[in-house]
Amino acid sequence: MKIVLASNNKGKLAELRAMFAPLGLELVAQGELGIPEAAEPFHTFVENALAKARHAAAHSGLPALADDAGLCVDAFGGLPGVDTAYYATQFGYDKGDDNNVRALLEQMRDVDNRRAALVSTLVAVRSAQDPEPLIAAGRVVGEISREPMGSNGFGFDPVMYIPEFGKTFAQLPVEVKNANSHRGRAARAMLELIRERWL
C-alpha cells in the first residue's frame, strides 16, 4: 500500500520509512508528488497532524500519514510545542535545527527545572474525508542538557538527555533511538492500528 507522508522533513521520512517497511507500506513524501505544505494554524499536535493528513490525501487521492511533533518544556508551560520547528525565529535566528538548539540553551541558561518531553502525534486517513482517522501518540520525558552531545538524530536530539540511557538521543545508536523515541512509540502504535483496521 502506498501512503503519502505529509512532510518534507528528510529525517522524519527516513525514520518513518524504516518503521513502516515491515508492514509492506511504501511512504512517499508529499514533495515528490508536488503537494504543497499544509497550513498548521492549530495549538495542538493532533489538530495540526489531522489538517496535514487531510491536505495530503486531498491532493494525492491516496491514504495519508502526518506527524506533528515537538518539544514541550516544563519550565516554559509546555512551549514551544507545536511551534518547535520555528523556535529559533522568535529570537532572531534563521529557522533550523542548530539554531533551535542554540536558542533553547540560551533561554534555559539560568533555568534549573530542565524537564521536557518530546511528543509525536501521528494521524492517518484513508481519504481526505475519512470520518475515522487513526491517531497514535508517543511521548518521551527527559531533561535538556547544558550542551549538545552526540551526532545521531536531528532536531533537539543532541540536548534531549534520557536518564534511563544516561545519554542524549543523539548519542544513542540509531536503531536504539528509533525504538525508544517519541516517534518510534507513536509509529509502533500506528502500525498496530493500521494492521487492525486497514489491512
Protein backbone atom coordinates (compact mmCIF):
# COMPACT_ATOMS: atom_id res chain seq x y z
CA MET A 1 0.00 0.00 0.00
CA LYS A 2 1.27 3.45 -0.90
CA ILE A 3 0.79 6.20 1.69
CA VAL A 4 1.67 9.86 1.32
CA LEU A 5 3.72 11.27 4.17
CA ALA A 6 2.56 14.82 4.78
CA SER A 7 6.06 16.11 5.42
CA ASN A 8 9.22 17.09 3.55
CA ASN A 9 11.45 16.57 6.60
CA LYS A 10 14.16 14.13 5.43
CA GLY A 11 14.95 12.91 8.95
CA LYS A 12 11.31 12.20 9.69
CA LEU A 13 10.84 10.46 6.32
CA ALA A 14 13.88 8.19 6.85
CA GLU A 15 12.75 7.24 10.37
CA LEU A 16 9.16 6.51 9.37
CA ARG A 17 10.08 4.62 6.17
CA ALA A 18 12.22 2.25 8.24
CA MET A 19 9.48 1.82 10.83
CA PHE A 20 6.68 1.16 8.30
CA ALA A 21 8.64 -1.15 5.98
CA PRO A 22 7.76 -4.37 7.91
CA LEU A 23 4.07 -3.92 7.01
CA GLY A 24 4.90 -3.52 3.33
CA LEU A 25 3.76 0.09 3.39
CA GLU A 26 5.54 2.45 1.00
CA LEU A 27 5.80 6.02 2.26
CA VAL A 28 6.08 8.71 -0.40
CA ALA A 29 6.98 12.26 0.64
CA GLN A 30 4.36 14.80 -0.39
CA GLY A 31 7.05 16.89 -2.09
CA GLU A 32 7.75 14.03 -4.51
CA LEU A 33 4.12 14.38 -5.64
CA GLY A 34 4.24 18.17 -5.89
CA ILE A 35 1.94 18.64 -2.90
CA PRO A 36 2.48 21.96 -1.11
CA GLU A 37 2.83 22.16 2.67
CA ALA A 38 -0.45 22.46 4.58
CA ALA A 39 -1.27 25.32 6.91
CA GLU A 40 -0.79 24.45 10.59
CA PRO A 41 -2.90 27.04 12.41
CA PHE A 42 -3.77 24.99 15.48
CA HIS A 43 -2.38 24.86 19.01
CA THR A 44 -2.36 21.07 19.46
CA PHE A 45 -0.32 18.36 17.77
CA VAL A 46 -3.38 16.28 16.91
CA GLU A 47 -5.24 19.11 15.16
CA ASN A 48 -2.22 20.05 13.06
CA ALA A 49 -1.44 16.42 12.16
CA LEU A 50 -5.06 15.85 11.11
CA ALA A 51 -5.04 19.00 8.96
CA LYS A 52 -1.79 17.90 7.28
CA ALA A 53 -3.04 14.35 6.64
CA ARG A 54 -6.35 15.52 5.13
CA HIS A 55 -4.49 18.05 2.95
CA ALA A 56 -2.09 15.41 1.57
CA ALA A 57 -4.91 12.92 0.96
CA ALA A 58 -6.99 15.56 -0.84
CA HIS A 59 -4.10 16.50 -3.15
CA SER A 60 -2.95 12.93 -3.87
CA GLY A 61 -6.08 10.79 -3.79
CA LEU A 62 -4.05 8.37 -1.63
CA PRO A 63 -4.17 7.48 2.06
CA ALA A 64 -2.01 9.88 4.04
CA LEU A 65 0.05 9.90 7.22
CA ALA A 66 1.06 13.05 9.07
CA ASP A 67 3.26 13.60 12.08
CA ASP A 68 3.17 16.68 14.23
CA ALA A 69 5.87 16.63 16.84
CA GLY A 70 7.65 18.96 19.13
CA LEU A 71 9.39 19.72 22.35
CA CYS A 72 7.35 20.57 25.45
CA VAL A 73 9.48 22.20 28.15
CA ASP A 74 8.03 22.17 31.68
CA ALA A 75 9.65 25.48 32.67
CA PHE A 76 8.01 27.16 29.65
CA GLY A 77 4.50 25.84 30.34
CA GLY A 78 4.81 23.20 27.64
CA LEU A 79 6.15 25.51 24.95
CA PRO A 80 7.48 25.57 22.24
CA GLY A 81 5.09 22.68 21.48
CA VAL A 82 3.57 22.97 18.00
CA ASP A 83 5.90 25.88 17.20
CA THR A 84 9.05 23.83 17.82
CA ALA A 85 10.28 23.96 14.19
CA TYR A 86 10.21 27.76 14.30
CA TYR A 87 11.51 28.16 17.85
CA ALA A 88 14.76 29.94 16.89
CA THR A 89 12.97 32.55 14.77
CA GLN A 90 11.44 34.08 17.92
CA PHE A 91 14.95 35.05 18.99
CA GLY A 92 16.25 36.48 15.72
CA TYR A 93 17.80 33.29 14.33
CA ASP A 94 17.05 31.65 11.00
CA LYS A 95 14.84 28.55 11.09
CA GLY A 96 16.88 25.37 11.58
CA ASP A 97 17.79 22.59 13.99
CA ASP A 98 21.15 24.01 15.08
CA ASN A 99 19.65 27.44 15.73
CA ASN A 100 16.75 25.89 17.64
CA VAL A 101 19.20 24.12 19.93
CA ARG A 102 21.28 27.28 20.37
CA ALA A 103 18.19 29.38 21.20
CA LEU A 104 16.86 26.79 23.66
CA LEU A 105 20.16 26.56 25.54
CA GLU A 106 20.35 30.37 25.71
CA GLN A 107 16.78 30.63 27.05
CA MET A 108 17.42 27.89 29.62
CA ARG A 109 20.85 29.15 30.74
CA ASP A 110 19.58 30.09 34.24
CA VAL A 111 16.75 27.55 34.46
CA ASP A 112 17.14 24.71 36.98
CA ASN A 113 13.98 22.77 36.04
CA ARG A 114 15.20 21.15 32.81
CA ARG A 115 12.44 18.54 32.50
CA ALA A 116 10.99 18.30 28.99
CA ALA A 117 9.10 15.88 26.77
CA LEU A 118 9.41 15.12 23.09
CA VAL A 119 5.94 14.43 21.74
CA SER A 120 4.88 12.91 18.42
CA THR A 121 1.31 12.59 17.21
CA LEU A 122 0.70 10.53 14.07
CA VAL A 123 -2.59 10.74 12.20
CA ALA A 124 -3.52 8.53 9.24
CA VAL A 125 -6.53 8.91 6.95
CA ARG A 126 -7.77 6.67 4.13
CA SER A 127 -9.11 9.71 2.29
CA ALA A 128 -9.46 13.44 2.86
CA GLN A 129 -12.97 12.90 4.23
CA ASP A 130 -12.17 9.86 6.40
CA PRO A 131 -14.56 10.08 9.40
CA GLU A 132 -12.37 7.73 11.45
CA PRO A 133 -8.77 8.94 11.38
CA LEU A 134 -6.25 6.74 13.12
CA ILE A 135 -4.46 8.64 15.90
CA ALA A 136 -1.36 7.48 17.77
CA ALA A 137 0.79 9.46 20.18
CA GLY A 138 4.24 8.86 21.61
CA ARG A 139 5.97 10.76 24.41
CA VAL A 140 9.42 10.59 25.96
CA VAL A 141 10.34 12.53 29.08
CA GLY A 142 13.90 13.62 29.70
CA GLU A 143 15.94 16.68 30.59
CA ILE A 144 17.53 19.40 28.50
CA SER A 145 21.30 19.01 28.77
CA ARG A 146 23.57 22.02 29.27
CA GLU A 147 25.29 21.46 25.92
CA PRO A 148 24.74 19.39 22.75
CA MET A 149 26.12 15.84 22.85
CA GLY A 150 26.19 13.23 20.09
CA SER A 151 25.85 13.32 16.33
CA ASN A 152 22.98 10.91 15.56
CA GLY A 153 19.47 12.15 15.01
CA PHE A 154 18.14 15.63 14.30
CA GLY A 155 16.08 18.38 15.91
CA PHE A 156 16.58 18.55 19.67
CA ASP A 157 18.12 15.04 19.88
CA PRO A 158 21.59 16.41 20.88
CA VAL A 159 20.17 18.13 24.00
CA MET A 160 17.41 15.66 24.94
CA TYR A 161 19.07 13.71 27.77
CA ILE A 162 17.27 10.45 28.57
CA PRO A 163 18.03 9.38 32.19
CA GLU A 164 17.25 5.68 31.58
CA PHE A 165 20.07 5.54 28.99
CA GLY A 166 22.35 8.12 30.62
CA LYS A 167 22.76 9.72 27.18
CA THR A 168 21.10 12.17 24.81
CA PHE A 169 19.08 10.77 21.92
CA ALA A 170 21.88 11.89 19.57
CA GLN A 171 24.39 9.70 21.46
CA LEU A 172 22.34 6.52 21.01
CA PRO A 173 22.72 4.13 18.06
CA VAL A 174 20.01 4.95 15.50
CA GLU A 175 18.17 1.65 16.00
CA VAL A 176 18.04 2.17 19.79
CA LYS A 177 16.87 5.76 19.37
CA ASN A 178 14.18 4.78 16.84
CA ALA A 179 12.91 2.02 19.14
CA ASN A 180 12.62 4.36 22.14
CA SER A 181 11.89 7.80 20.68
CA HIS A 182 8.58 9.65 20.79
CA ARG A 183 8.19 9.00 17.04
CA GLY A 184 9.15 5.34 17.47
CA ARG A 185 6.49 4.89 20.16
CA ALA A 186 3.84 6.67 18.07
CA ALA A 187 4.82 4.66 14.98
CA ARG A 188 4.52 1.31 16.80
CA ALA A 189 1.04 2.26 17.99
CA MET A 190 0.09 3.46 14.49
CA LEU A 191 1.34 0.24 12.88
CA GLU A 192 -0.93 -1.74 15.19
CA LEU A 193 -3.90 0.47 14.29
CA ILE A 194 -3.24 0.15 10.53
CA ARG A 195 -2.78 -3.62 10.82
CA GLU A 196 -6.01 -3.95 12.80
CA ARG A 197 -8.24 -1.56 10.83
CA TRP A 198 -6.90 -1.13 7.31
CA LEU A 199 -5.19 -4.38 6.29
